[in-house]
C-alpha atoms as a PDB file:
ATOM      1  CA  MET A   1     -30.449 -32.356   3.010  1.00  0.00           C
ATOM      2  CA  ARG A   2     -33.927 -33.459   4.009  1.00  0.00           C
ATOM      3  CA  LYS A   3     -35.929 -32.100   6.848  1.00  0.00           C
ATOM      4  CA  SER A   4     -36.036 -35.534   8.509  1.00  0.00           C
ATOM      5  CA  GLU A   5     -32.190 -35.459   8.488  1.00  0.00           C
ATOM      6  CA  LEU A   6     -32.383 -32.116  10.246  1.00  0.00           C
ATOM      7  CA  LYS A   7     -34.822 -33.303  12.861  1.00  0.00           C
ATOM      8  CA  ASN A   8     -32.504 -36.289  13.690  1.00  0.00           C
ATOM      9  CA  PHE A   9     -29.489 -34.000  13.747  1.00  0.00           C
ATOM     10  CA  VAL A  10     -31.270 -31.638  16.259  1.00  0.00           C
ATOM     11  CA  GLN A  11     -31.595 -34.551  18.581  1.00  0.00           C
ATOM     12  CA  LEU A  12     -27.792 -35.385  18.335  1.00  0.00           C
ATOM     13  CA  TYR A  13     -26.446 -31.843  18.228  1.00  0.00           C
ATOM     14  CA  ALA A  14     -25.651 -31.648  21.998  1.00  0.00           C
ATOM     15  CA  GLU A  15     -23.442 -34.656  21.695  1.00  0.00           C
ATOM     16  CA  ILE A  16     -21.595 -33.768  18.533  1.00  0.00           C
ATOM     17  CA  LYS A  17     -21.258 -30.004  18.825  1.00  0.00           C
ATOM     18  CA  ASN A  18     -17.633 -30.273  20.020  1.00  0.00           C
ATOM     19  CA  ALA A  19     -16.809 -32.331  16.835  1.00  0.00           C
ATOM     20  CA  LEU A  20     -18.238 -29.559  14.774  1.00  0.00           C
ATOM     21  CA  ILE A  21     -16.009 -26.995  16.486  1.00  0.00           C
ATOM     22  CA  LYS A  22     -12.987 -29.124  15.815  1.00  0.00           C
ATOM     23  CA  ARG A  23     -14.139 -29.662  12.217  1.00  0.00           C
ATOM     24  CA  SER A  24     -14.043 -33.445  12.553  1.00  0.00           C
ATOM     25  CA  ASP A  25     -15.320 -35.684   9.771  1.00  0.00           C
ATOM     26  CA  VAL A  26     -16.621 -38.436  11.945  1.00  0.00           C
ATOM     27  CA  VAL A  27     -17.598 -38.640  15.653  1.00  0.00           C
ATOM     28  CA  GLU A  28     -18.550 -41.583  17.901  1.00  0.00           C
ATOM     29  CA  ILE A  29     -21.492 -41.140  20.259  1.00  0.00           C
ATOM     30  CA  ILE A  30     -23.452 -43.459  22.461  1.00  0.00           C
ATOM     31  CA  LYS A  31     -27.069 -43.900  21.451  1.00  0.00           C
ATOM     32  CA  ARG A  32     -29.315 -46.344  23.190  1.00  0.00           C
ATOM     33  CA  ASN A  33     -26.347 -48.061  24.811  1.00  0.00           C
ATOM     34  CA  ARG A  34     -24.544 -48.557  21.547  1.00  0.00           C
ATOM     35  CA  LYS A  35     -21.602 -46.821  19.912  1.00  0.00           C
ATOM     36  CA  VAL A  36     -22.651 -45.075  16.779  1.00  0.00           C
ATOM     37  CA  ARG A  37     -20.363 -43.333  14.226  1.00  0.00           C
ATOM     38  CA  VAL A  38     -21.859 -40.154  12.878  1.00  0.00           C
ATOM     39  CA  LYS A  39     -20.477 -38.893   9.634  1.00  0.00           C
ATOM     40  CA  ILE A  40     -20.508 -35.133   9.708  1.00  0.00           C
ATOM     41  CA  LYS A  41     -21.834 -33.692   6.545  1.00  0.00           C
ATOM     42  CA  PRO A  42     -20.892 -30.221   5.205  1.00  0.00           C
ATOM     43  CA  TRP A  43     -24.344 -28.713   5.949  1.00  0.00           C
ATOM     44  CA  MET A  44     -24.038 -29.619   9.661  1.00  0.00           C
ATOM     45  CA  TYR A  45     -21.221 -26.968  10.077  1.00  0.00           C
ATOM     46  CA  LYS A  46     -23.717 -24.225   9.422  1.00  0.00           C
ATOM     47  CA  PHE A  47     -26.134 -25.363  12.210  1.00  0.00           C
ATOM     48  CA  PRO A  48     -24.583 -23.464  15.136  1.00  0.00           C
ATOM     49  CA  GLU A  49     -24.734 -20.165  13.137  1.00  0.00           C
ATOM     50  CA  PHE A  50     -28.279 -20.780  12.057  1.00  0.00           C
ATOM     51  CA  LEU A  51     -29.287 -21.726  15.679  1.00  0.00           C
ATOM     52  CA  ASN A  52     -27.715 -18.577  16.925  1.00  0.00           C
ATOM     53  CA  LEU A  53     -29.624 -16.501  14.332  1.00  0.00           C
ATOM     54  CA  VAL A  54     -32.923 -18.053  15.366  1.00  0.00           C
ATOM     55  CA  GLY A  55     -32.139 -17.487  19.031  1.00  0.00           C
ATOM     56  CA  LYS A  56     -31.365 -13.771  18.508  1.00  0.00           C
ATOM     57  CA  SER A  57     -34.555 -13.191  16.672  1.00  0.00           C
ATOM     58  CA  GLU A  58     -36.879 -14.819  19.202  1.00  0.00           C
ATOM     59  CA  ASN A  59     -38.097 -14.248  22.717  1.00  0.00           C
ATOM     60  CA  HIS A  60     -36.575 -15.467  26.014  1.00  0.00           C
ATOM     61  CA  THR A  61     -38.680 -18.636  26.239  1.00  0.00           C
ATOM     62  CA  VAL A  62     -37.520 -19.724  22.677  1.00  0.00           C
ATOM     63  CA  ARG A  63     -33.871 -18.952  23.569  1.00  0.00           C
ATOM     64  CA  GLU A  64     -34.335 -21.061  26.731  1.00  0.00           C
ATOM     65  CA  ILE A  65     -35.738 -24.024  24.686  1.00  0.00           C
ATOM     66  CA  ILE A  66     -32.813 -23.675  22.313  1.00  0.00           C
ATOM     67  CA  ARG A  67     -30.214 -23.483  25.072  1.00  0.00           C
ATOM     68  CA  ARG A  68     -31.481 -26.171  27.339  1.00  0.00           C
ATOM     69  CA  ASN A  69     -32.881 -28.751  24.901  1.00  0.00           C
ATOM     70  CA  ILE A  70     -30.957 -28.357  21.661  1.00  0.00           C
ATOM     71  CA  GLU A  71     -27.579 -27.076  22.797  1.00  0.00           C
ATOM     72  CA  ASN A  72     -27.277 -28.805  26.146  1.00  0.00           C
ATOM     73  CA  GLY A  73     -29.311 -31.994  25.378  1.00  0.00           C
ATOM     74  CA  ALA A  74     -31.830 -31.757  28.241  1.00  0.00           C
ATOM     75  CA  LYS A  75     -34.932 -33.999  27.918  1.00  0.00           C
ATOM     76  CA  ASP A  76     -38.079 -32.462  26.478  1.00  0.00           C
ATOM     77  CA  LEU A  77     -40.059 -33.326  29.707  1.00  0.00           C
ATOM     78  CA  THR A  78     -37.584 -31.420  31.926  1.00  0.00           C
ATOM     79  CA  VAL A  79     -37.501 -28.330  29.593  1.00  0.00           C
ATOM     80  CA  TRP A  80     -41.259 -27.918  29.037  1.00  0.00           C
ATOM     81  CA  GLN A  81     -42.032 -28.352  32.718  1.00  0.00           C
ATOM     82  CA  SER A  82     -39.537 -25.475  33.557  1.00  0.00           C
ATOM     83  CA  VAL A  83     -40.794 -23.003  30.937  1.00  0.00           C
ATOM     84  CA  ALA A  84     -44.161 -21.455  31.204  1.00  0.00           C
ATOM     85  CA  LEU A  85     -45.762 -23.291  28.364  1.00  0.00           C
ATOM     86  CA  SER A  86     -48.244 -26.160  27.927  1.00  0.00           C
ATOM     87  CA  GLU A  87     -46.904 -29.364  26.508  1.00  0.00           C
ATOM     88  CA  SER A  88     -48.561 -28.885  23.157  1.00  0.00           C
ATOM     89  CA  THR A  89     -47.206 -25.385  22.857  1.00  0.00           C
ATOM     90  CA  TYR A  90     -43.742 -26.436  23.773  1.00  0.00           C
ATOM     91  CA  TYR A  91     -43.719 -29.084  20.954  1.00  0.00           C
ATOM     92  CA  ARG A  92     -45.247 -26.675  18.462  1.00  0.00           C
ATOM     93  CA  TRP A  93     -42.586 -24.100  19.200  1.00  0.00           C
ATOM     94  CA  LYS A  94     -39.830 -26.633  18.961  1.00  0.00           C
ATOM     95  CA  LYS A  95     -41.153 -27.791  15.599  1.00  0.00           C
ATOM     96  CA  GLN A  96     -41.304 -24.086  14.449  1.00  0.00           C
ATOM     97  CA  ILE A  97     -37.644 -23.686  15.599  1.00  0.00           C
ATOM     98  CA  VAL A  98     -36.653 -26.577  13.360  1.00  0.00           C
ATOM     99  CA  ASP A  99     -38.764 -25.326  10.547  1.00  0.00           C
ATOM    100  CA  LYS A 100     -37.076 -21.834  10.818  1.00  0.00           C
ATOM    101  CA  ILE A 101     -33.634 -23.405  10.684  1.00  0.00           C
ATOM    102  CA  TYR A 102     -34.649 -25.644   7.721  1.00  0.00           C
ATOM    103  CA  ASN A 103     -35.850 -22.419   5.956  1.00  0.00           C
ATOM    104  CA  LEU A 104     -32.340 -20.870   6.449  1.00  0.00           C
ATOM    105  CA  TYR A 105     -30.795 -23.937   4.937  1.00  0.00           C
ATOM    106  CA  VAL A 106     -33.184 -23.556   1.964  1.00  0.00           C
ATOM    107  CA  LEU A 107     -32.089 -19.913   1.680  1.00  0.00           C
ATOM    108  CA  ALA A 108     -28.374 -20.994   1.914  1.00  0.00           C
ATOM    109  CA  GLY A 109     -28.948 -23.393  -1.020  1.00  0.00           C
ATOM    110  CA  ASP A 110     -28.323 -26.638   0.917  1.00  0.00           C
ATOM    111  CA  VAL A 111     -31.760 -28.076   0.098  1.00  0.00           C
ATOM    112  CA  ARG A 112     -32.562 -29.224  -3.521  1.00  0.00           C
ATOM    113  CA  LEU A 113     -35.967 -28.765  -5.051  1.00  0.00           C
ATOM    114  CA  GLU A 114     -36.407 -32.575  -5.290  1.00  0.00           C
ATOM    115  CA  GLU A 115     -35.871 -32.913  -1.522  1.00  0.00           C
ATOM    116  CA  ILE A 116     -38.545 -30.183  -0.861  1.00  0.00           C
ATOM    117  CA  LEU A 117     -41.050 -31.943  -3.224  1.00  0.00           C
ATOM    118  CA  GLU A 118     -40.333 -35.376  -1.640  1.00  0.00           C
ATOM    119  CA  GLU A 119     -41.500 -34.125   1.834  1.00  0.00           C
ATOM    120  CA  ARG A 120     -44.989 -35.356   2.589  1.00  0.00           C
ATOM    121  CA  ILE A 121     -47.578 -33.071   4.049  1.00  0.00           C
ATOM    122  CA  GLU A 122     -48.902 -34.663   7.268  1.00  0.00           C
END
């Protein structure tokens, strides 16, 4: 699993979380007015647990970002305007949430060394 895969998955999570609960292998979603089939990979089933762990270990604002943006799929603009953060702080915190979840995947052994070394520093 690559970090870029996780970032894309975070954007889709609100639409496919029911399929994860049902343990489906494939789910169809509508993305940009097109039907897209998403193959659910084994690492994706751990995501709700990791998201819950991060939410429990953080403050109310982070939990609100997780609940409204990641779990319910609200637009970034709507969420950052409703929480008491600047736009840059909101996006920085959201990136840190994804980074923390990625670290949990590393700890769980779902990320190979080659995939970590392939990531570019930007």
